[in-house]
Amino acid sequence: MPPTLASESRLLSEADRCDRCGAQAFIVAVFDVGQLAFCAHHGRRYSAALATAAVLVHDESDLVTGQ
């Protein structure tokens, strides 16, 4: 499992968008050659693959409201 940043560290803003669908990004996965941002939905959907491939996964999906 890749390391994560402390939950109080915020990397993403409202301007950051999911690379899959364009919704607000709450998860960023960092790889050796770049990074991808995901909304909470797509971050959960791809979480197993991200856990094995990413160098670091930062998850701010606890900020999602209305669920």
C-alpha atoms as a PDB file:
ATOM      1  CA  MET A   1       0.000   0.000   0.000  1.00  0.00           C
ATOM      2  CA  PRO A   2       1.431   3.429  -0.888  1.00  0.00           C
ATOM      3  CA  PRO A   3       2.021   5.980   1.853  1.00  0.00           C
ATOM      4  CA  THR A   4      -0.572   8.643   2.558  1.00  0.00           C
ATOM      5  CA  LEU A   5      -0.307  12.189   3.833  1.00  0.00           C
ATOM      6  CA  ALA A   6      -1.741  13.285   7.159  1.00  0.00           C
ATOM      7  CA  SER A   7      -5.457  14.020   6.881  1.00  0.00           C
ATOM      8  CA  GLU A   8      -4.922  17.631   7.971  1.00  0.00           C
ATOM      9  CA  SER A   9      -2.698  18.243   4.924  1.00  0.00           C
ATOM     10  CA  ARG A  10      -4.876  19.593   2.113  1.00  0.00           C
ATOM     11  CA  LEU A  11      -3.449  19.390  -1.396  1.00  0.00           C
ATOM     12  CA  LEU A  12      -6.593  19.814  -3.449  1.00  0.00           C
ATOM     13  CA  SER A  13      -8.823  22.843  -3.972  1.00  0.00           C
ATOM     14  CA  GLU A  14     -12.271  23.229  -5.510  1.00  0.00           C
ATOM     15  CA  ALA A  15     -10.540  23.983  -8.815  1.00  0.00           C
ATOM     16  CA  ASP A  16      -8.933  20.519  -8.989  1.00  0.00           C
ATOM     17  CA  ARG A  17     -10.882  18.158 -11.242  1.00  0.00           C
ATOM     18  CA  CYS A  18     -11.183  14.386 -11.646  1.00  0.00           C
ATOM     19  CA  ASP A  19      -9.149  13.178 -14.607  1.00  0.00           C
ATOM     20  CA  ARG A  20     -11.882  10.631 -15.376  1.00  0.00           C
ATOM     21  CA  CYS A  21     -15.116  12.675 -15.286  1.00  0.00           C
ATOM     22  CA  GLY A  22     -14.333  16.308 -14.480  1.00  0.00           C
ATOM     23  CA  ALA A  23     -16.058  16.395 -11.073  1.00  0.00           C
ATOM     24  CA  GLN A  24     -14.296  17.987  -8.101  1.00  0.00           C
ATOM     25  CA  ALA A  25     -11.219  15.944  -7.174  1.00  0.00           C
ATOM     26  CA  PHE A  26     -10.816  14.604  -3.649  1.00  0.00           C
ATOM     27  CA  ILE A  27      -8.114  11.988  -4.259  1.00  0.00           C
ATOM     28  CA  VAL A  28      -4.719  12.407  -5.900  1.00  0.00           C
ATOM     29  CA  ALA A  29      -2.467   9.503  -6.831  1.00  0.00           C
ATOM     30  CA  VAL A  30       1.199  10.243  -7.432  1.00  0.00           C
ATOM     31  CA  PHE A  31       3.222   7.981  -9.737  1.00  0.00           C
ATOM     32  CA  ASP A  32       6.888   7.961 -10.756  1.00  0.00           C
ATOM     33  CA  VAL A  33       6.018   9.837 -13.950  1.00  0.00           C
ATOM     34  CA  GLY A  34       3.137  12.106 -12.910  1.00  0.00           C
ATOM     35  CA  GLN A  35      -0.112  12.187 -11.015  1.00  0.00           C
ATOM     36  CA  LEU A  36      -3.829  11.664 -11.479  1.00  0.00           C
ATOM     37  CA  ALA A  37      -6.725  13.252  -9.608  1.00  0.00           C
ATOM     38  CA  PHE A  38     -10.056  11.543  -8.961  1.00  0.00           C
ATOM     39  CA  CYS A  39     -13.455  12.405  -7.558  1.00  0.00           C
ATOM     40  CA  ALA A  40     -14.501  10.337  -4.536  1.00  0.00           C
ATOM     41  CA  HIS A  41     -16.527   7.967  -6.743  1.00  0.00           C
ATOM     42  CA  HIS A  42     -13.721   7.169  -9.183  1.00  0.00           C
ATOM     43  CA  GLY A  43     -11.126   7.134  -6.416  1.00  0.00           C
ATOM     44  CA  ARG A  44     -13.087   4.369  -4.669  1.00  0.00           C
ATOM     45  CA  ARG A  45     -13.661   2.576  -7.973  1.00  0.00           C
ATOM     46  CA  TYR A  46      -9.927   2.447  -8.782  1.00  0.00           C
ATOM     47  CA  SER A  47      -8.614   2.224  -5.205  1.00  0.00           C
ATOM     48  CA  ALA A  48      -7.214  -1.319  -5.539  1.00  0.00           C
ATOM     49  CA  ALA A  49      -5.255  -0.462  -8.693  1.00  0.00           C
ATOM     50  CA  LEU A  50      -4.044   2.822  -7.223  1.00  0.00           C
ATOM     51  CA  ALA A  51      -2.870   1.084  -4.062  1.00  0.00           C
ATOM     52  CA  THR A  52      -0.571  -1.170  -6.068  1.00  0.00           C
ATOM     53  CA  ALA A  53       0.632   1.288  -8.723  1.00  0.00           C
ATOM     54  CA  ALA A  54       0.908   4.683  -7.008  1.00  0.00           C
ATOM     55  CA  VAL A  55       3.892   5.964  -5.061  1.00  0.00           C
ATOM     56  CA  LEU A  56       1.554   8.015  -2.853  1.00  0.00           C
ATOM     57  CA  VAL A  57      -2.223   8.330  -2.547  1.00  0.00           C
ATOM     58  CA  HIS A  58      -3.693  11.393  -0.856  1.00  0.00           C
ATOM     59  CA  ASP A  59      -7.381  11.056   0.034  1.00  0.00           C
ATOM     60  CA  GLU A  60      -9.522  14.032   1.041  1.00  0.00           C
ATOM     61  CA  SER A  61     -12.837  12.276   0.382  1.00  0.00           C
ATOM     62  CA  ASP A  62     -13.801  12.830   4.024  1.00  0.00           C
ATOM     63  CA  LEU A  63     -14.673  16.380   2.873  1.00  0.00           C
ATOM     64  CA  VAL A  64     -17.471  15.124   0.600  1.00  0.00           C
ATOM     65  CA  THR A  65     -20.852  16.266   1.862  1.00  0.00           C
ATOM     66  CA  GLY A  66     -24.359  15.125   1.069  1.00  0.00           C
ATOM     67  CA  GLN A  67     -23.745  11.389   1.137  1.00  0.00           C
END
